[in-house]
Amino acid sequence: MVIGTQNPVEMEGTYPLPEAQRDRFTARLSI
């Protein structure tokens, strides 16, 4: 299992995940 974390509001110097990558994540969780 891969558990990826990211901050949606701190986007400077980041590379947004492409659609193919996001589609491989089964679910997205916001705590």
Full PDB file with SEQRES, HELIX, SHEET, SSBOND, CRYST1, ORIGX, SCALE, CONECT and MASTER records, all heavy atoms in Angstrom:
SEQRES   1 A   31  MET VAL ILE GLY THR GLN ASN PRO VAL GLU MET GLU GLY          
SEQRES   2 A   31  THR TYR PRO LEU PRO GLU ALA GLN ARG ASP ARG PHE THR          
SEQRES   3 A   31  ALA ARG LEU SER ILE                                          
HELIX    1 AA1 GLU A   19  ARG A   24  1                                   6    
CRYST1    1.000    1.000    1.000  90.00  90.00  90.00 P 1           1          
ORIGX1      1.000000  0.000000  0.000000        0.00000                         
ORIGX2      0.000000  1.000000  0.000000        0.00000                         
ORIGX3      0.000000  0.000000  1.000000        0.00000                         
SCALE1      1.000000  0.000000  0.000000        0.00000                         
SCALE2      0.000000  1.000000  0.000000        0.00000                         
SCALE3      0.000000  0.000000  1.000000        0.00000                         
ATOM      1  N   MET A   1       0.841  -1.199   0.000  1.00  0.00           N  
ATOM      2  CA  MET A   1       0.000   0.000   0.000  1.00  0.00           C  
ATOM      3  C   MET A   1       0.871   1.241   0.000  1.00  0.00           C  
ATOM      4  O   MET A   1       1.830   1.330   0.775  1.00  0.00           O  
ATOM      5  CB  MET A   1      -0.908   0.002   1.235  1.00  0.00           C  
ATOM      6  CG  MET A   1      -1.848   1.201   1.334  1.00  0.00           C  
ATOM      7  SD  MET A   1      -2.815   1.149   2.867  1.00  0.00           S  
ATOM      8  CE  MET A   1      -3.937   2.523   2.615  1.00  0.00           C  
ATOM      9  N   VAL A   2       0.560   2.171  -0.880  1.00  0.00           N  
ATOM     10  CA  VAL A   2       1.220   3.468  -0.908  1.00  0.00           C  
ATOM     11  C   VAL A   2       0.285   4.491  -0.276  1.00  0.00           C  
ATOM     12  O   VAL A   2      -0.884   4.595  -0.668  1.00  0.00           O  
ATOM     13  CB  VAL A   2       1.573   3.896  -2.346  1.00  0.00           C  
ATOM     14  CG1 VAL A   2       2.117   5.321  -2.358  1.00  0.00           C  
ATOM     15  CG2 VAL A   2       2.591   2.942  -2.948  1.00  0.00           C  
ATOM     16  N   ILE A   3       0.789   5.209   0.713  1.00  0.00           N  
ATOM     17  CA  ILE A   3       0.032   6.289   1.347  1.00  0.00           C  
ATOM     18  C   ILE A   3       0.750   7.585   1.027  1.00  0.00           C  
ATOM     19  O   ILE A   3       1.840   7.843   1.529  1.00  0.00           O  
ATOM     20  CB  ILE A   3      -0.079   6.098   2.861  1.00  0.00           C  
ATOM     21  CG1 ILE A   3      -0.698   4.736   3.197  1.00  0.00           C  
ATOM     22  CG2 ILE A   3      -0.910   7.222   3.477  1.00  0.00           C  
ATOM     23  CD1 ILE A   3      -0.773   4.444   4.683  1.00  0.00           C  
ATOM     24  N   GLY A   4       0.164   8.386   0.152  1.00  0.00           N  
ATOM     25  CA  GLY A   4       0.767   9.652  -0.235  1.00  0.00           C  
ATOM     26  C   GLY A   4       0.111  10.815   0.496  1.00  0.00           C  
ATOM     27  O   GLY A   4      -1.102  10.812   0.722  1.00  0.00           O  
ATOM     28  N   THR A   5       0.908  11.790   0.890  1.00  0.00           N  
ATOM     29  CA  THR A   5       0.357  12.992   1.528  1.00  0.00           C  
ATOM     30  C   THR A   5       0.751  14.220   0.713  1.00  0.00           C  
ATOM     31  O   THR A   5       1.794  14.243   0.066  1.00  0.00           O  
ATOM     32  CB  THR A   5       0.870  13.168   2.975  1.00  0.00           C  
ATOM     33  OG1 THR A   5       2.255  13.568   2.957  1.00  0.00           O  
ATOM     34  CG2 THR A   5       0.732  11.875   3.762  1.00  0.00           C  
ATOM     35  N   GLN A   6      -0.111  15.223   0.751  1.00  0.00           N  
ATOM     36  CA  GLN A   6       0.223  16.489   0.106  1.00  0.00           C  
ATOM     37  C   GLN A   6      -0.628  17.599   0.710  1.00  0.00           C  
ATOM     38  O   GLN A   6      -1.717  17.351   1.238  1.00  0.00           O  
ATOM     39  CB  GLN A   6       0.039  16.435  -1.404  1.00  0.00           C  
ATOM     40  CG  GLN A   6      -1.381  16.211  -1.889  1.00  0.00           C  
ATOM     41  CD  GLN A   6      -1.462  16.259  -3.405  1.00  0.00           C  
ATOM     42  OE1 GLN A   6      -0.471  16.383  -4.108  1.00  0.00           O  
ATOM     43  NE2 GLN A   6      -2.677  16.182  -3.934  1.00  0.00           N  
ATOM     44  N   ASN A   7      -0.088  18.831   0.633  1.00  0.00           N  
ATOM     45  CA  ASN A   7      -0.785  20.009   1.140  1.00  0.00           C  
ATOM     46  C   ASN A   7      -1.394  20.773  -0.027  1.00  0.00           C  
ATOM     47  O   ASN A   7      -0.667  21.254  -0.898  1.00  0.00           O  
ATOM     48  CB  ASN A   7       0.184  20.927   1.896  1.00  0.00           C  
ATOM     49  CG  ASN A   7       0.851  20.229   3.066  1.00  0.00           C  
ATOM     50  OD1 ASN A   7       0.243  19.399   3.720  1.00  0.00           O  
ATOM     51  ND2 ASN A   7       2.096  20.578   3.333  1.00  0.00           N  
ATOM     52  N   PRO A   8      -2.708  20.903  -0.094  1.00  0.00           N  
ATOM     53  CA  PRO A   8      -3.329  21.578  -1.236  1.00  0.00           C  
ATOM     54  C   PRO A   8      -3.151  23.089  -1.235  1.00  0.00           C  
ATOM     55  O   PRO A   8      -3.344  23.731  -2.270  1.00  0.00           O  
ATOM     56  CB  PRO A   8      -4.810  21.208  -1.093  1.00  0.00           C  
ATOM     57  CG  PRO A   8      -4.990  20.984   0.374  1.00  0.00           C  
ATOM     58  CD  PRO A   8      -3.702  20.404   0.870  1.00  0.00           C  
ATOM     59  N   VAL A   9      -2.807  23.676  -0.090  1.00  0.00           N  
ATOM     60  CA  VAL A   9      -2.711  25.133  -0.023  1.00  0.00           C  
ATOM     61  C   VAL A   9      -1.281  25.630  -0.131  1.00  0.00           C  
ATOM     62  O   VAL A   9      -1.035  26.815  -0.272  1.00  0.00           O  
ATOM     63  CB  VAL A   9      -3.323  25.665   1.290  1.00  0.00           C  
ATOM     64  CG1 VAL A   9      -4.795  25.340   1.353  1.00  0.00           C  
ATOM     65  CG2 VAL A   9      -2.597  25.104   2.507  1.00  0.00           C  
ATOM     66  N   GLU A  10      -0.319  24.745  -0.061  1.00  0.00           N  
ATOM     67  CA  GLU A  10       1.090  25.135  -0.111  1.00  0.00           C  
ATOM     68  C   GLU A  10       1.670  24.651  -1.432  1.00  0.00           C  
ATOM     69  O   GLU A  10       2.387  23.669  -1.504  1.00  0.00           O  
ATOM     70  CB  GLU A  10       1.831  24.512   1.075  1.00  0.00           C  
ATOM     71  CG  GLU A  10       3.225  25.071   1.311  1.00  0.00           C  
ATOM     72  CD  GLU A  10       3.912  24.385   2.482  1.00  0.00           C  
ATOM     73  OE1 GLU A  10       3.275  23.578   3.155  1.00  0.00           O  
ATOM     74  OE2 GLU A  10       5.097  24.673   2.697  1.00  0.00           O  
ATOM     75  N   MET A  11       1.341  25.355  -2.511  1.00  0.00           N  
ATOM     76  CA  MET A  11       1.624  24.848  -3.841  1.00  0.00           C  
ATOM     77  C   MET A  11       2.883  25.413  -4.477  1.00  0.00           C  
ATOM     78  O   MET A  11       3.239  25.023  -5.579  1.00  0.00           O  
ATOM     79  CB  MET A  11       0.429  25.134  -4.763  1.00  0.00           C  
ATOM     80  CG  MET A  11      -0.891  24.536  -4.276  1.00  0.00           C  
ATOM     81  SD  MET A  11      -0.824  22.743  -4.051  1.00  0.00           S  
ATOM     82  CE  MET A  11      -0.715  22.211  -5.749  1.00  0.00           C  
ATOM     83  N   GLU A  12       3.595  26.335  -3.803  1.00  0.00           N  
ATOM     84  CA  GLU A  12       4.819  26.879  -4.389  1.00  0.00           C  
ATOM     85  C   GLU A  12       5.887  25.787  -4.461  1.00  0.00           C  
ATOM     86  O   GLU A  12       6.157  25.087  -3.481  1.00  0.00           O  
ATOM     87  CB  GLU A  12       5.337  28.058  -3.555  1.00  0.00           C  
ATOM     88  CG  GLU A  12       4.450  29.290  -3.563  1.00  0.00           C  
ATOM     89  CD  GLU A  12       3.297  29.188  -2.576  1.00  0.00           C  
ATOM     90  OE1 GLU A  12       3.264  28.182  -1.836  1.00  0.00           O  
ATOM     91  OE2 GLU A  12       2.460  30.091  -2.546  1.00  0.00           O  
ATOM     92  N   GLY A  13       6.507  25.665  -5.641  1.00  0.00           N  
ATOM     93  CA  GLY A  13       7.572  24.685  -5.795  1.00  0.00           C  
ATOM     94  C   GLY A  13       7.080  23.254  -5.829  1.00  0.00           C  
ATOM     95  O   GLY A  13       7.838  22.337  -5.516  1.00  0.00           O  
ATOM     96  N   THR A  14       5.825  23.047  -6.217  1.00  0.00           N  
ATOM     97  CA  THR A  14       5.289  21.688  -6.281  1.00  0.00           C  
ATOM     98  C   THR A  14       4.911  21.340  -7.717  1.00  0.00           C  
ATOM     99  O   THR A  14       4.808  22.198  -8.588  1.00  0.00           O  
ATOM    100  CB  THR A  14       4.044  21.540  -5.395  1.00  0.00           C  
ATOM    101  OG1 THR A  14       3.018  22.428  -5.865  1.00  0.00           O  
ATOM    102  CG2 THR A  14       4.364  21.866  -3.945  1.00  0.00           C  
ATOM    103  N   TYR A  15       4.696  20.044  -7.933  1.00  0.00           N  
ATOM    104  CA  TYR A  15       4.296  19.526  -9.239  1.00  0.00           C  
ATOM    105  C   TYR A  15       2.976  18.779  -9.050  1.00  0.00           C  
ATOM    106  O   TYR A  15       2.975  17.682  -8.495  1.00  0.00           O  
ATOM    107  CB  TYR A  15       5.360  18.584  -9.801  1.00  0.00           C  
ATOM    108  CG  TYR A  15       6.742  19.185  -9.915  1.00  0.00           C  
ATOM    109  CD1 TYR A  15       7.636  19.140  -8.837  1.00  0.00           C  
ATOM    110  CD2 TYR A  15       7.160  19.790 -11.092  1.00  0.00           C  
ATOM    111  CE1 TYR A  15       8.905  19.681  -8.935  1.00  0.00           C  
ATOM    112  CE2 TYR A  15       8.429  20.343 -11.193  1.00  0.00           C  
ATOM    113  CZ  TYR A  15       9.295  20.281 -10.112  1.00  0.00           C  
ATOM    114  OH  TYR A  15      10.552  20.831 -10.206  1.00  0.00           O  
ATOM    115  N   PRO A  16       1.858  19.370  -9.464  1.00  0.00           N  
ATOM    116  CA  PRO A  16       0.564  18.710  -9.264  1.00  0.00           C  
ATOM    117  C   PRO A  16       0.555  17.306  -9.860  1.00  0.00           C  
ATOM    118  O   PRO A  16       1.111  17.064 -10.937  1.00  0.00           O  
ATOM    119  CB  PRO A  16      -0.419  19.642  -9.999  1.00  0.00           C  
ATOM    120  CG  PRO A  16       0.264  20.970 -10.025  1.00  0.00           C  
ATOM    121  CD  PRO A  16       1.732  20.668 -10.136  1.00  0.00           C  
ATOM    122  N   LEU A  17      -0.073  16.383  -9.153  1.00  0.00           N  
ATOM    123  CA  LEU A  17      -0.135  15.007  -9.632  1.00  0.00           C  
ATOM    124  C   LEU A  17      -0.945  14.943 -10.925  1.00  0.00           C  
ATOM    125  O   LEU A  17      -2.048  15.488 -10.996  1.00  0.00           O  
ATOM    126  CB  LEU A  17      -0.788  14.106  -8.583  1.00  0.00           C  
ATOM    127  CG  LEU A  17      -0.063  13.945  -7.251  1.00  0.00           C  
ATOM    128  CD1 LEU A  17      -0.863  13.032  -6.321  1.00  0.00           C  
ATOM    129  CD2 LEU A  17       1.333  13.389  -7.456  1.00  0.00           C  
ATOM    130  N   PRO A  18      -0.422  14.301 -11.957  1.00  0.00           N  
ATOM    131  CA  PRO A  18      -1.186  14.160 -13.208  1.00  0.00           C  
ATOM    132  C   PRO A  18      -2.378  13.225 -13.011  1.00  0.00           C  
ATOM    133  O   PRO A  18      -2.445  12.481 -12.031  1.00  0.00           O  
ATOM    134  CB  PRO A  18      -0.162  13.575 -14.182  1.00  0.00           C  
ATOM    135  CG  PRO A  18       0.838  12.883 -13.314  1.00  0.00           C  
ATOM    136  CD  PRO A  18       0.911  13.672 -12.052  1.00  0.00           C  
ATOM    137  N   GLU A  19      -3.297  13.266 -13.960  1.00  0.00           N  
ATOM    138  CA  GLU A  19      -4.516  12.465 -13.838  1.00  0.00           C  
ATOM    139  C   GLU A  19      -4.218  10.978 -13.709  1.00  0.00           C  
ATOM    140  O   GLU A  19      -4.867  10.269 -12.936  1.00  0.00           O  
ATOM    141  CB  GLU A  19      -5.427  12.707 -15.057  1.00  0.00           C  
ATOM    142  CG  GLU A  19      -6.132  14.052 -15.058  1.00  0.00           C  
ATOM    143  CD  GLU A  19      -5.179  15.192 -15.410  1.00  0.00           C  
ATOM    144  OE1 GLU A  19      -4.105  14.922 -15.987  1.00  0.00           O  
ATOM    145  OE2 GLU A  19      -5.505  16.353 -15.096  1.00  0.00           O  
ATOM    146  N   ALA A  20      -3.221  10.482 -14.449  1.00  0.00           N  
ATOM    147  CA  ALA A  20      -2.887   9.052 -14.383  1.00  0.00           C  
ATOM    148  C   ALA A  20      -2.415   8.647 -12.997  1.00  0.00           C  
ATOM    149  O   ALA A  20      -2.696   7.537 -12.536  1.00  0.00           O  
ATOM    150  CB  ALA A  20      -1.813   8.723 -15.422  1.00  0.00           C  
ATOM    151  N   GLN A  21      -1.702   9.550 -12.322  1.00  0.00           N  
ATOM    152  CA  GLN A  21      -1.220   9.257 -10.976  1.00  0.00           C  
ATOM    153  C   GLN A  21      -2.371   9.304  -9.970  1.00  0.00           C  
ATOM    154  O   GLN A  21      -2.501   8.423  -9.115  1.00  0.00           O  
ATOM    155  CB  GLN A  21      -0.143  10.252 -10.572  1.00  0.00           C  
ATOM    156  CG  GLN A  21       0.450  10.000  -9.185  1.00  0.00           C  
ATOM    157  CD  GLN A  21       1.367   8.799  -9.151  1.00  0.00           C  
ATOM    158  OE1 GLN A  21       2.430   8.808  -9.752  1.00  0.00           O  
ATOM    159  NE2 GLN A  21       0.949   7.757  -8.474  1.00  0.00           N  
ATOM    160  N   ARG A  22      -3.220  10.323 -10.069  1.00  0.00           N  
ATOM    161  CA  ARG A  22      -4.340  10.438  -9.131  1.00  0.00           C  
ATOM    162  C   ARG A  22      -5.312   9.280  -9.297  1.00  0.00           C  
ATOM    163  O   ARG A  22      -5.927   8.821  -8.328  1.00  0.00           O  
ATOM    164  CB  ARG A  22      -5.076  11.772  -9.353  1.00  0.00           C  
ATOM    165  CG  ARG A  22      -4.227  13.000  -9.086  1.00  0.00           C  
ATOM    166  CD  ARG A  22      -4.968  14.284  -9.417  1.00  0.00           C  
ATOM    167  NE  ARG A  22      -5.981  14.580  -8.421  1.00  0.00           N  
ATOM    168  CZ  ARG A  22      -5.749  15.283  -7.315  1.00  0.00           C  
ATOM    169  NH1 ARG A  22      -4.539  15.745  -7.059  1.00  0.00           N  
ATOM    170  NH2 ARG A  22      -6.721  15.536  -6.462  1.00  0.00           N  
ATOM    171  N   ASP A  23      -5.445   8.791 -10.529  1.00  0.00           N  
ATOM    172  CA  ASP A  23      -6.377   7.701 -10.786  1.00  0.00           C  
ATOM    173  C   ASP A  23      -5.916   6.396 -10.149  1.00  0.00           C  
ATOM    174  O   ASP A  23      -6.721   5.491  -9.935  1.00  0.00           O  
ATOM    175  CB  ASP A  23      -6.556   7.511 -12.299  1.00  0.00           C  
ATOM    176  CG  ASP A  23      -7.808   6.725 -12.635  1.00  0.00           C  
ATOM    177  OD1 ASP A  23      -8.872   7.012 -12.038  1.00  0.00           O  
ATOM    178  OD2 ASP A  23      -7.730   5.813 -13.473  1.00  0.00           O  
ATOM    179  N   ARG A  24      -4.637   6.288  -9.849  1.00  0.00           N  
ATOM    180  CA  ARG A  24      -4.124   5.075  -9.219  1.00  0.00           C  
ATOM    181  C   ARG A  24      -4.333   5.075  -7.707  1.00  0.00           C  
ATOM    182  O   ARG A  24      -4.181   4.035  -7.068  1.00  0.00           O  
ATOM    183  CB  ARG A  24      -2.644   4.882  -9.563  1.00  0.00           C  
ATOM    184  CG  ARG A  24      -2.433   4.248 -10.938  1.00  0.00           C  
ATOM    185  CD  ARG A  24      -1.000   4.354 -11.394  1.00  0.00           C  
ATOM    186  NE  ARG A  24      -0.713   3.537 -12.561  1.00  0.00           N  
ATOM    187  CZ  ARG A  24      -1.058   3.822 -13.807  1.00  0.00           C  
ATOM    188  NH1 ARG A  24      -1.731   4.941 -14.051  1.00  0.00           N  
ATOM    189  NH2 ARG A  24      -0.759   3.026 -14.810  1.00  0.00           N  
ATOM    190  N   PHE A  25      -4.607   6.235  -7.145  1.00  0.00           N  
ATOM    191  CA  PHE A  25      -4.951   6.284  -5.726  1.00  0.00           C  
ATOM    192  C   PHE A  25      -6.412   5.883  -5.571  1.00  0.00           C  
ATOM    193  O   PHE A  25      -7.305   6.500  -6.145  1.00  0.00           O  
ATOM    194  CB  PHE A  25      -4.711   7.685  -5.163  1.00  0.00           C  
ATOM    195  CG  PHE A  25      -3.271   7.973  -4.844  1.00  0.00           C  
ATOM    196  CD1 PHE A  25      -2.516   8.776  -5.676  1.00  0.00           C  
ATOM    197  CD2 PHE A  25      -2.674   7.421  -3.717  1.00  0.00           C  
ATOM    198  CE1 PHE A  25      -1.184   9.038  -5.397  1.00  0.00           C  
ATOM    199  CE2 PHE A  25      -1.344   7.674  -3.430  1.00  0.00           C  
ATOM    200  CZ  PHE A  25      -0.598   8.485  -4.263  1.00  0.00           C  
ATOM    201  N   THR A  26      -6.650   4.860  -4.804  1.00  0.00           N  
ATOM    202  CA  THR A  26      -8.006   4.329  -4.653  1.00  0.00           C  
ATOM    203  C   THR A  26      -8.951   5.351  -4.053  1.00  0.00           C  
ATOM    204  O   THR A  26     -10.098   5.481  -4.482  1.00  0.00           O  
ATOM    205  CB  THR A  26      -7.969   3.078  -3.764  1.00  0.00           C  
ATOM    206  OG1 THR A  26      -7.056   2.127  -4.336  1.00  0.00           O  
ATOM    207  CG2 THR A  26      -9.344   2.443  -3.644  1.00  0.00           C  
ATOM    208  N   ALA A  27      -8.490   6.079  -3.054  1.00  0.00           N  
ATOM    209  CA  ALA A  27      -9.347   7.053  -2.389  1.00  0.00           C  
ATOM    210  C   ALA A  27      -8.516   8.237  -1.918  1.00  0.00           C  
ATOM    211  O   ALA A  27      -7.309   8.118  -1.707  1.00  0.00           O  
ATOM    212  CB  ALA A  27     -10.078   6.419  -1.207  1.00  0.00           C  
ATOM    213  N   ARG A  28      -9.184   9.356  -1.761  1.00  0.00           N  
ATOM    214  CA  ARG A  28      -8.564  10.546  -1.195  1.00  0.00           C  
ATOM    215  C   ARG A  28      -9.237  10.858   0.138  1.00  0.00           C  
ATOM    216  O   ARG A  28     -10.452  10.804   0.257  1.00  0.00           O  
ATOM    217  CB  ARG A  28      -8.700  11.745  -2.130  1.00  0.00           C  
ATOM    218  CG  ARG A  28      -8.045  13.016  -1.559  1.00  0.00           C  
ATOM    219  CD  ARG A  28      -8.210  14.203  -2.487  1.00  0.00           C  
ATOM    220  NE  ARG A  28      -9.616  14.539  -2.699  1.00  0.00           N  
ATOM    221  CZ  ARG A  28     -10.018  15.520  -3.503  1.00  0.00           C  
ATOM    222  NH1 ARG A  28      -9.142  16.221  -4.181  1.00  0.00           N  
ATOM    223  NH2 ARG A  28     -11.309  15.769  -3.641  1.00  0.00           N  
ATOM    224  N   LEU A  29      -8.412  11.175   1.104  1.00  0.00           N  
ATOM    225  CA  LEU A  29      -8.907  11.428   2.456  1.00  0.00           C  
ATOM    226  C   LEU A  29      -8.489  12.821   2.902  1.00  0.00           C  
ATOM    227  O   LEU A  29      -7.330  13.208   2.733  1.00  0.00           O  
ATOM    228  CB  LEU A  29      -8.331  10.370   3.414  1.00  0.00           C  
ATOM    229  CG  LEU A  29      -8.485  10.589   4.912  1.00  0.00           C  
ATOM    230  CD1 LEU A  29      -9.956  10.566   5.296  1.00  0.00           C  
ATOM    231  CD2 LEU A  29      -7.722   9.516   5.680  1.00  0.00           C  
ATOM    232  N   SER A  30      -9.432  13.575   3.436  1.00  0.00           N  
ATOM    233  CA  SER A  30      -9.141  14.854   4.074  1.00  0.00           C  
ATOM    234  C   SER A  30      -9.460  14.714   5.553  1.00  0.00           C  
ATOM    235  O   SER A  30     -10.611  14.428   5.912  1.00  0.00           O  
ATOM    236  CB  SER A  30      -9.976  15.981   3.449  1.00  0.00           C  
ATOM    237  OG  SER A  30      -9.598  16.176   2.095  1.00  0.00           O  
ATOM    238  N   ILE A  31      -8.459  14.889   6.390  1.00  0.00           N  
ATOM    239  CA  ILE A  31      -8.649  14.649   7.821  1.00  0.00           C  
ATOM    240  C   ILE A  31      -9.479  15.749   8.464  1.00  0.00           C  
ATOM    241  O   ILE A  31     -10.387  15.493   9.253  1.00  0.00           O  
ATOM    242  CB  ILE A  31      -7.267  14.511   8.520  1.00  0.00           C  
ATOM    243  CG1 ILE A  31      -6.531  13.293   7.954  1.00  0.00           C  
ATOM    244  CG2 ILE A  31      -7.433  14.394  10.020  1.00  0.00           C  
ATOM    245  CD1 ILE A  31      -5.138  13.113   8.515  1.00  0.00           C  
TER     246      ILE A  31                                                      
MASTER        0    0    0    1    0    0    0    6  245    1    0    3          
END                                                                             
